[in-house]
Amino acid sequence: MKVVEFAGIGPSPFAGMMLADLGADVLRVAAPRRSGLGAEQQSGAVLNRGRATVTLDLKTDDDRARVMRLLDQADALIEGFRPGVMERLGLAPDRCLERNRRLVYTRITGWGQAGPDAASPGHDINYLGLAGTLSLLGRAGQPPTPPANLLGDFGGGGMFAVVGTLAALLHARATGRGQVVDASIMGGSAALASMVHALMAGGQWGARGTNVFDTGAPYYEVYRTADDGWMAVAATAPASFETLCCVLEVSVADLPPYTDRTAWPELRRRLTAAFATRSRAEWELRFAQTEACATPVLNLAEAAEHPHSKARGQFIDVGGVLQAAPEPRFSLTPTAAPTPPRHGVDAVLTALTAWGFRPQEAAEIAQRNGVDEAAPRVIQHSPPGGRLDREAR
């Protein structure tokens, strides 16, 4: 599977990373002076792994023609610009599909390709807000809590783009016809809240922070330990709750039924006091291999060192950068170890030659990509509504 990914930020490089992890031959195309936009940010060290980046000026006829040659042999295209950008560059879906009928043309935007807000700027928190999903996150009586761009950009945007791309590829291989995949972060974020929609329809979901799974229930909560660490508790089943209380040395006989909402404040007070008596490490040891569903809240560095993570190879070192290993796992076709982002003359020459460019032409383009950008650099982010932000979003 061959994919052309137009360099962007957030969900589009994440989608490209996932497809590359799964074995696709992904080639990133970046604009001049923004070569490897993601690579110029720290996230590029991870999100751009497993593929080469080539700089092509889509405002020139020669480079636009070269991109069209790439798309002629591609199975899929991924772009994350605001609606109209690809059209202005002369790479509209109808033109690309006219040349390559099997092409899957995946577009990732905040609001989708149509609708009154389609051309408006926005970010993760805005898409979640309009989808209604942000209203579900946070504690009772507190403002909604933005989920660190993970739920919108990556869950609602990048992941849904990958699912849509793979589904459209199955259709293209069966029928010989490609199509446009419209993956909006707002739409994906709304779909992620499907369970809550179902609970609301059944009258089983109330205000934010008052429900079982949103910190309303004291048996589904995080608790501070004596050393200011945290333990995550999900003792929703009777056996889990009884084990939790046993390990905490809290007498179940002295407590009202844990499903009694009127008793939740007192139960929370008792559990809070109990967890505060020992360190996180002590509680982790005591809860290990029990049915309590109580686990430590680790930071990213600690997570990489946890015995279970190490046993599964959950975190790996790629080019000196710690990151999550490819997921999911396959029994017959295991994924290969990811490689660092590939930039510079040699990487571009190798990639373009593999995509059928003549050696002389590939070498000419590679020389224009002469600055090796494999190492991530931090740049000043464009302010909301700025040029970089408008083009990327």
Protein backbone atom coordinates (compact mmCIF):
# COMPACT_ATOMS: atom_id res chain seq x y z
CA MET A 1 0.00 0.00 0.00
CA LYS A 2 1.44 3.36 -1.06
CA VAL A 3 0.34 6.60 0.58
CA VAL A 4 1.14 10.25 -0.14
CA GLU A 5 0.80 12.32 3.04
CA PHE A 6 0.81 16.11 2.82
CA ALA A 7 2.76 17.43 5.80
CA GLY A 8 0.59 18.99 8.47
CA ILE A 9 0.10 19.04 12.21
CA GLY A 10 -1.86 16.92 14.67
CA PRO A 11 -4.19 14.28 13.23
CA SER A 12 -2.75 13.98 9.70
CA PRO A 13 0.81 12.99 10.72
CA PHE A 14 -0.69 10.68 13.35
CA ALA A 15 -2.73 8.95 10.64
CA GLY A 16 0.36 8.72 8.46
CA MET A 17 2.35 7.30 11.37
CA MET A 18 -0.25 4.61 12.02
CA LEU A 19 -0.37 3.54 8.39
CA ALA A 20 3.44 3.47 8.22
CA ASP A 21 3.52 1.42 11.44
CA LEU A 22 1.18 -1.09 9.82
CA GLY A 23 3.49 -1.50 6.85
CA ALA A 24 2.35 1.07 4.29
CA ASP A 25 4.93 2.88 2.16
CA VAL A 26 4.14 6.47 3.19
CA LEU A 27 5.87 9.45 1.58
CA ARG A 28 5.40 12.88 3.17
CA VAL A 29 5.27 15.93 0.89
CA ALA A 30 6.13 19.24 2.55
CA ALA A 31 6.13 22.80 1.28
CA PRO A 32 9.39 24.80 1.01
CA ARG A 33 10.53 26.62 4.15
CA ARG A 34 8.17 24.37 6.10
CA SER A 35 9.89 21.12 5.20
CA GLY A 36 8.58 18.51 7.58
CA LEU A 37 6.34 20.91 9.48
CA GLY A 38 5.81 18.28 12.18
CA ALA A 39 9.56 17.59 12.28
CA GLU A 40 10.14 21.22 13.19
CA GLN A 41 8.20 20.57 16.37
CA GLN A 42 9.15 18.08 19.06
CA SER A 43 6.18 15.89 18.09
CA GLY A 44 7.81 15.24 14.73
CA ALA A 45 10.36 12.92 16.33
CA VAL A 46 7.50 10.47 16.91
CA LEU A 47 4.61 11.39 14.61
CA ASN A 48 6.81 11.46 11.51
CA ARG A 49 8.53 8.14 12.16
CA GLY A 50 8.79 5.43 9.55
CA ARG A 51 8.74 7.63 6.46
CA ALA A 52 10.69 10.11 4.38
CA THR A 53 9.80 13.76 3.82
CA VAL A 54 10.36 15.39 0.44
CA THR A 55 10.08 19.14 -0.14
CA LEU A 56 8.11 20.08 -3.25
CA ASP A 57 6.78 23.53 -4.14
CA LEU A 58 3.17 22.91 -5.12
CA LYS A 59 2.91 26.47 -6.43
CA THR A 60 5.19 25.59 -9.34
CA ASP A 61 4.05 23.62 -12.37
CA ASP A 62 7.04 21.25 -12.31
CA ASP A 63 6.65 20.18 -8.67
CA ARG A 64 2.87 19.99 -8.95
CA ALA A 65 3.32 17.66 -11.90
CA ARG A 66 5.71 15.57 -9.81
CA VAL A 67 3.14 15.29 -7.04
CA MET A 68 0.56 14.18 -9.59
CA ARG A 69 2.96 11.46 -10.73
CA LEU A 70 3.20 10.27 -7.13
CA LEU A 71 -0.58 10.26 -6.83
CA ASP A 72 -0.93 8.33 -10.09
CA GLN A 73 0.66 5.31 -8.39
CA ALA A 74 -0.63 5.91 -4.85
CA ASP A 75 -3.35 3.89 -3.17
CA ALA A 76 -4.24 6.72 -0.80
CA LEU A 77 -3.71 10.41 -0.11
CA ILE A 78 -3.90 12.05 3.32
CA GLU A 79 -4.25 15.79 3.77
CA GLY A 80 -5.15 17.86 6.81
CA PHE A 81 -5.60 21.37 5.39
CA ARG A 82 -8.65 23.56 5.71
CA PRO A 83 -11.25 23.15 2.96
CA GLY A 84 -10.19 24.73 -0.32
CA VAL A 85 -6.40 24.60 0.17
CA MET A 86 -5.86 21.50 -2.00
CA GLU A 87 -8.18 22.94 -4.63
CA ARG A 88 -6.16 26.16 -4.77
CA LEU A 89 -3.00 24.08 -5.19
CA GLY A 90 -4.51 22.36 -8.22
CA LEU A 91 -4.91 19.04 -6.38
CA ALA A 92 -8.69 18.87 -6.03
CA PRO A 93 -10.19 15.41 -5.51
CA ASP A 94 -11.95 15.29 -8.86
CA ARG A 95 -8.72 16.01 -10.73
CA CYS A 96 -6.77 13.38 -8.78
CA LEU A 97 -9.50 10.75 -9.10
CA GLU A 98 -9.80 11.43 -12.82
CA ARG A 99 -6.16 10.40 -13.20
CA ASN A 100 -6.23 7.57 -10.67
CA ARG A 101 -9.69 6.02 -10.30
CA ARG A 102 -8.58 3.77 -7.44
CA LEU A 103 -7.22 6.59 -5.26
CA VAL A 104 -8.58 6.98 -1.73
CA TYR A 105 -8.53 10.71 -1.00
CA THR A 106 -8.66 11.21 2.79
CA ARG A 107 -9.31 14.72 4.10
CA ILE A 108 -8.96 15.52 7.82
CA THR A 109 -10.45 18.78 9.04
CA GLY A 110 -11.87 20.17 12.24
CA TRP A 111 -15.40 20.79 11.04
CA GLY A 112 -15.70 18.68 7.89
CA GLN A 113 -15.77 19.68 4.23
CA ALA A 114 -19.24 21.26 4.31
CA GLY A 115 -21.43 23.26 6.66
CA PRO A 116 -21.48 26.89 7.87
CA ASP A 117 -18.35 26.45 10.01
CA ALA A 118 -16.31 24.41 7.51
CA ALA A 119 -13.93 27.28 6.71
CA SER A 120 -13.63 28.57 10.28
CA PRO A 121 -10.40 28.18 12.26
CA GLY A 122 -10.41 25.92 15.27
CA HIS A 123 -8.53 23.55 17.53
CA ASP A 124 -9.19 20.37 19.48
CA ILE A 125 -11.05 22.12 22.30
CA ASN A 126 -13.35 23.90 19.82
CA TYR A 127 -14.31 20.73 17.95
CA LEU A 128 -14.98 18.87 21.21
CA GLY A 129 -17.03 21.79 22.46
CA LEU A 130 -19.32 21.96 19.45
CA ALA A 131 -19.66 18.16 19.35
CA GLY A 132 -20.93 18.16 22.94
CA THR A 133 -18.13 15.83 24.00
CA LEU A 134 -16.22 18.42 26.02
CA SER A 135 -19.28 18.98 28.22
CA LEU A 136 -18.86 15.42 29.55
CA LEU A 137 -15.31 15.88 30.86
CA GLY A 138 -14.58 17.18 34.33
CA ARG A 139 -15.77 17.17 37.89
CA ALA A 140 -19.11 18.28 39.26
CA GLY A 141 -19.27 22.02 39.75
CA GLN A 142 -16.04 22.56 37.80
CA PRO A 143 -15.43 23.76 34.24
CA PRO A 144 -15.08 21.16 31.48
CA THR A 145 -11.54 19.74 31.31
CA PRO A 146 -9.73 19.73 27.93
CA PRO A 147 -8.19 16.26 27.39
CA ALA A 148 -4.73 17.35 26.15
CA ASN A 149 -5.71 17.21 22.45
CA LEU A 150 -5.87 13.41 22.68
CA LEU A 151 -9.62 12.96 22.36
CA GLY A 152 -10.24 15.29 19.41
CA ASP A 153 -7.17 15.55 17.18
CA PHE A 154 -5.96 12.00 17.65
CA GLY A 155 -9.00 9.96 18.73
CA GLY A 156 -11.71 11.77 16.77
CA GLY A 157 -9.50 12.90 13.89
CA GLY A 158 -6.48 10.71 13.14
CA MET A 159 -7.97 7.38 14.23
CA PHE A 160 -11.21 7.86 12.31
CA ALA A 161 -9.20 8.93 9.26
CA VAL A 162 -7.25 5.66 9.39
CA VAL A 163 -10.43 3.59 9.75
CA GLY A 164 -12.05 5.47 6.87
CA THR A 165 -8.96 5.11 4.68
CA LEU A 166 -8.75 1.36 5.24
CA ALA A 167 -12.47 0.88 4.61
CA ALA A 168 -12.29 2.89 1.39
CA LEU A 169 -9.24 0.89 0.30
CA LEU A 170 -11.21 -2.34 0.72
CA HIS A 171 -13.94 -0.85 -1.46
CA ALA A 172 -11.41 0.33 -4.06
CA ARG A 173 -9.80 -3.09 -4.28
CA ALA A 174 -13.20 -4.74 -4.68
CA THR A 175 -14.63 -2.29 -7.23
CA GLY A 176 -11.66 -0.46 -8.77
CA ARG A 177 -13.09 2.88 -7.64
CA GLY A 178 -11.64 5.24 -5.08
CA GLN A 179 -13.48 7.98 -3.25
CA VAL A 180 -13.15 10.95 -0.89
CA VAL A 181 -13.06 10.23 2.85
CA ASP A 182 -14.30 13.25 4.84
CA ALA A 183 -12.91 12.77 8.36
CA SER A 184 -13.88 15.63 10.67
CA ILE A 185 -12.54 15.91 14.19
CA MET A 186 -15.90 17.19 15.37
CA GLY A 187 -17.71 14.21 13.85
CA GLY A 188 -15.24 11.68 15.20
CA SER A 189 -15.42 13.26 18.65
CA ALA A 190 -19.19 13.03 18.59
CA ALA A 191 -18.98 9.34 17.66
CA LEU A 192 -16.63 8.68 20.57
CA ALA A 193 -19.41 9.80 22.91
CA SER A 194 -21.83 7.15 21.59
CA MET A 195 -21.99 5.29 24.91
CA VAL A 196 -23.03 8.45 26.73
CA HIS A 197 -25.73 9.15 24.15
CA ALA A 198 -27.11 5.68 24.84
CA LEU A 199 -26.99 6.18 28.61
CA MET A 200 -28.71 9.55 28.30
CA ALA A 201 -31.47 8.03 26.18
CA GLY A 202 -32.06 5.51 28.97
CA GLY A 203 -32.06 8.16 31.69
CA GLN A 204 -28.80 6.83 33.14
CA TRP A 205 -26.57 9.87 32.67
CA GLY A 206 -26.85 13.09 34.63
CA ALA A 207 -24.85 16.27 35.01
CA ARG A 208 -21.07 16.28 34.53
CA GLY A 209 -19.17 14.64 37.37
CA THR A 210 -22.17 12.92 38.92
CA ASN A 211 -22.07 9.63 37.00
CA VAL A 212 -20.25 6.37 37.57
CA PHE A 213 -17.57 6.88 34.93
CA ASP A 214 -16.85 10.60 35.28
CA THR A 215 -15.67 10.76 38.94
CA GLY A 216 -19.21 10.88 40.30
CA ALA A 217 -18.90 7.44 41.90
CA PRO A 218 -16.27 7.08 44.66
CA TYR A 219 -15.44 3.56 43.46
CA TYR A 220 -14.43 4.92 40.03
CA GLU A 221 -12.02 7.64 41.02
CA VAL A 222 -8.40 8.67 41.55
CA TYR A 223 -7.07 8.99 45.11
CA ARG A 224 -4.05 10.81 46.51
CA THR A 225 -1.51 8.75 48.43
CA ALA A 226 0.69 9.70 51.37
CA ASP A 227 3.58 10.70 49.08
CA ASP A 228 1.33 12.81 46.79
CA GLY A 229 1.08 10.05 44.22
CA TRP A 230 -2.22 8.84 42.80
CA MET A 231 -4.07 5.55 42.56
CA ALA A 232 -6.75 4.85 39.93
CA VAL A 233 -9.73 2.85 41.23
CA ALA A 234 -12.37 1.14 39.11
CA ALA A 235 -14.02 -1.20 41.61
CA THR A 236 -17.36 -1.35 39.81
CA ALA A 237 -18.13 -5.04 40.43
CA PRO A 238 -19.13 -6.28 43.90
CA ALA A 239 -16.09 -8.56 44.16
CA SER A 240 -13.79 -5.71 43.15
CA PHE A 241 -15.29 -3.35 45.72
CA GLU A 242 -15.04 -5.90 48.50
CA THR A 243 -11.40 -6.58 47.63
CA LEU A 244 -10.70 -2.84 47.52
CA CYS A 245 -12.08 -2.36 51.00
CA CYS A 246 -10.26 -5.42 52.31
CA VAL A 247 -6.87 -4.18 51.09
CA LEU A 248 -7.60 -0.67 52.39
CA GLU A 249 -8.68 -2.18 55.73
CA VAL A 250 -12.05 -0.48 55.48
CA SER A 251 -14.84 -2.63 56.90
CA VAL A 252 -17.51 -3.31 54.28
CA ALA A 253 -19.93 -4.17 57.09
CA ASP A 254 -19.72 -0.57 58.31
CA LEU A 255 -20.60 0.85 54.90
CA PRO A 256 -23.95 1.30 53.17
CA PRO A 257 -24.35 -0.39 49.75
CA TYR A 258 -21.71 1.13 47.48
CA THR A 259 -24.29 1.65 44.72
CA ASP A 260 -26.36 3.90 47.05
CA ARG A 261 -25.76 7.38 45.63
CA THR A 262 -26.76 9.05 48.86
CA ALA A 263 -23.84 7.29 50.54
CA TRP A 264 -21.26 8.32 47.95
CA PRO A 265 -19.97 11.41 49.84
CA GLU A 266 -19.27 9.37 53.00
CA LEU A 267 -17.74 6.51 51.03
CA ARG A 268 -15.47 8.95 49.18
CA ARG A 269 -14.36 10.41 52.51
CA ARG A 270 -13.51 6.97 53.88
CA LEU A 271 -11.58 5.91 50.79
CA THR A 272 -9.73 9.22 50.63
CA ALA A 273 -8.60 8.86 54.23
CA ALA A 274 -7.51 5.26 53.70
CA PHE A 275 -5.40 5.94 50.60
CA ALA A 276 -3.70 8.84 52.38
CA THR A 277 -2.12 6.49 54.92
CA ARG A 278 0.43 4.84 52.59
CA SER A 279 2.65 5.70 49.64
CA ARG A 280 1.75 4.92 46.08
CA ALA A 281 4.44 2.22 45.93
CA GLU A 282 3.02 0.54 49.02
CA TRP A 283 -0.49 0.54 47.61
CA GLU A 284 0.74 -0.74 44.26
CA LEU A 285 2.39 -3.68 46.02
CA ARG A 286 -0.68 -4.42 48.14
CA PHE A 287 -3.10 -4.25 45.22
CA ALA A 288 -0.93 -6.24 42.81
CA GLN A 289 -2.64 -9.37 41.44
CA THR A 290 -5.93 -8.62 43.25
CA GLU A 291 -9.42 -8.12 41.85
CA ALA A 292 -9.69 -4.60 43.24
CA CYS A 293 -8.90 -2.88 39.92
CA ALA A 294 -6.69 -0.37 41.70
CA THR A 295 -3.53 0.68 39.88
CA PRO A 296 -0.96 3.46 40.20
CA VAL A 297 -1.20 6.55 38.00
CA LEU A 298 2.20 6.56 36.29
CA ASN A 299 3.84 9.32 34.35
CA LEU A 300 5.10 8.49 30.86
CA ALA A 301 8.63 7.69 31.98
CA GLU A 302 7.36 5.42 34.76
CA ALA A 303 4.95 3.71 32.39
CA ALA A 304 7.84 2.70 30.14
CA GLU A 305 9.60 1.04 33.07
CA HIS A 306 6.59 -0.85 34.42
CA PRO A 307 7.13 -4.66 34.31
CA HIS A 308 4.00 -5.26 32.22
CA SER A 309 5.01 -2.61 29.67
CA LYS A 310 8.53 -4.02 29.48
CA ALA A 311 7.23 -7.58 29.06
CA ARG A 312 5.07 -6.53 26.10
CA GLY A 313 7.61 -4.14 24.61
CA GLN A 314 4.99 -1.43 24.94
CA PHE A 315 7.50 1.41 24.70
CA ILE A 316 10.48 1.53 22.38
CA ASP A 317 13.46 3.73 21.59
CA VAL A 318 13.44 5.08 18.05
CA GLY A 319 16.39 7.28 17.22
CA GLY A 320 16.98 8.09 20.87
CA VAL A 321 13.35 9.10 21.52
CA LEU A 322 11.14 7.04 23.84
CA GLN A 323 7.72 6.37 22.32
CA ALA A 324 4.87 3.87 22.17
CA ALA A 325 5.34 0.79 20.01
CA PRO A 326 3.02 0.21 17.02
CA GLU A 327 -0.45 -1.07 17.80
CA PRO A 328 -2.33 -3.35 17.40
CA ARG A 329 -0.37 -6.63 17.36
CA PHE A 330 -0.72 -9.30 14.65
CA SER A 331 -0.13 -13.04 14.91
CA LEU A 332 0.88 -13.71 11.30
CA THR A 333 2.18 -10.33 10.12
CA PRO A 334 3.95 -8.64 13.06
CA THR A 335 4.80 -4.98 12.53
CA ALA A 336 8.42 -4.04 11.92
CA ALA A 337 10.32 -1.80 14.32
CA PRO A 338 9.69 1.84 13.35
CA THR A 339 12.52 3.92 11.97
CA PRO A 340 13.22 7.59 12.79
CA PRO A 341 11.83 10.28 10.49
CA ARG A 342 13.91 10.37 7.31
CA HIS A 343 15.08 13.71 5.92
CA GLY A 344 17.94 14.97 3.80
CA VAL A 345 19.50 14.07 0.48
CA ASP A 346 19.98 10.33 0.93
CA ALA A 347 16.52 9.74 2.37
CA VAL A 348 14.76 11.68 -0.39
CA LEU A 349 16.84 10.06 -3.13
CA THR A 350 16.03 6.57 -1.82
CA ALA A 351 12.33 7.32 -1.39
CA LEU A 352 11.80 8.91 -4.80
CA THR A 353 13.73 6.17 -6.57
CA ALA A 354 11.50 3.60 -4.87
CA TRP A 355 8.48 5.54 -6.15
CA GLY A 356 9.73 5.25 -9.74
CA PHE A 357 11.53 8.55 -10.27
CA ARG A 358 14.55 8.41 -12.56
CA PRO A 359 17.84 8.61 -10.62
CA GLN A 360 18.86 11.94 -12.17
CA GLU A 361 15.53 13.60 -11.40
CA ALA A 362 15.42 12.10 -7.90
CA ALA A 363 18.94 13.41 -7.27
CA GLU A 364 17.97 16.90 -8.41
CA ILE A 365 15.02 17.00 -6.03
CA ALA A 366 17.09 15.47 -3.24
CA GLN A 367 19.66 18.24 -3.49
CA ARG A 368 16.92 20.75 -2.74
CA ASN A 369 16.21 18.75 0.41
CA GLY A 370 19.82 18.95 1.50
CA VAL A 371 19.36 20.12 5.07
CA ASP A 372 19.12 17.06 7.31
CA GLU A 373 16.15 17.63 9.62
CA ALA A 374 16.11 14.22 11.30
CA ALA A 375 16.63 15.79 14.72
CA PRO A 376 13.49 17.48 16.07
CA ARG A 377 13.58 21.21 16.58
CA VAL A 378 11.25 23.48 18.51
CA ILE A 379 9.82 26.45 16.63
CA GLN A 380 7.59 29.29 17.67
CA HIS A 381 4.03 28.18 17.03
CA SER A 382 1.95 30.34 14.75
CA PRO A 383 -0.72 32.26 16.69
CA PRO A 384 -4.32 31.16 16.13
CA GLY A 385 -5.41 32.45 12.77
CA GLY A 386 -1.81 33.00 11.62
CA ARG A 387 -0.54 31.82 8.24
CA LEU A 388 0.84 28.49 9.48
CA ASP A 389 -2.29 27.85 11.49
CA ARG A 390 -4.62 28.74 8.60
CA GLU A 391 -2.84 26.49 6.13
CA ALA A 392 -2.40 23.57 8.52
CA ARG A 393 -5.91 23.64 9.87
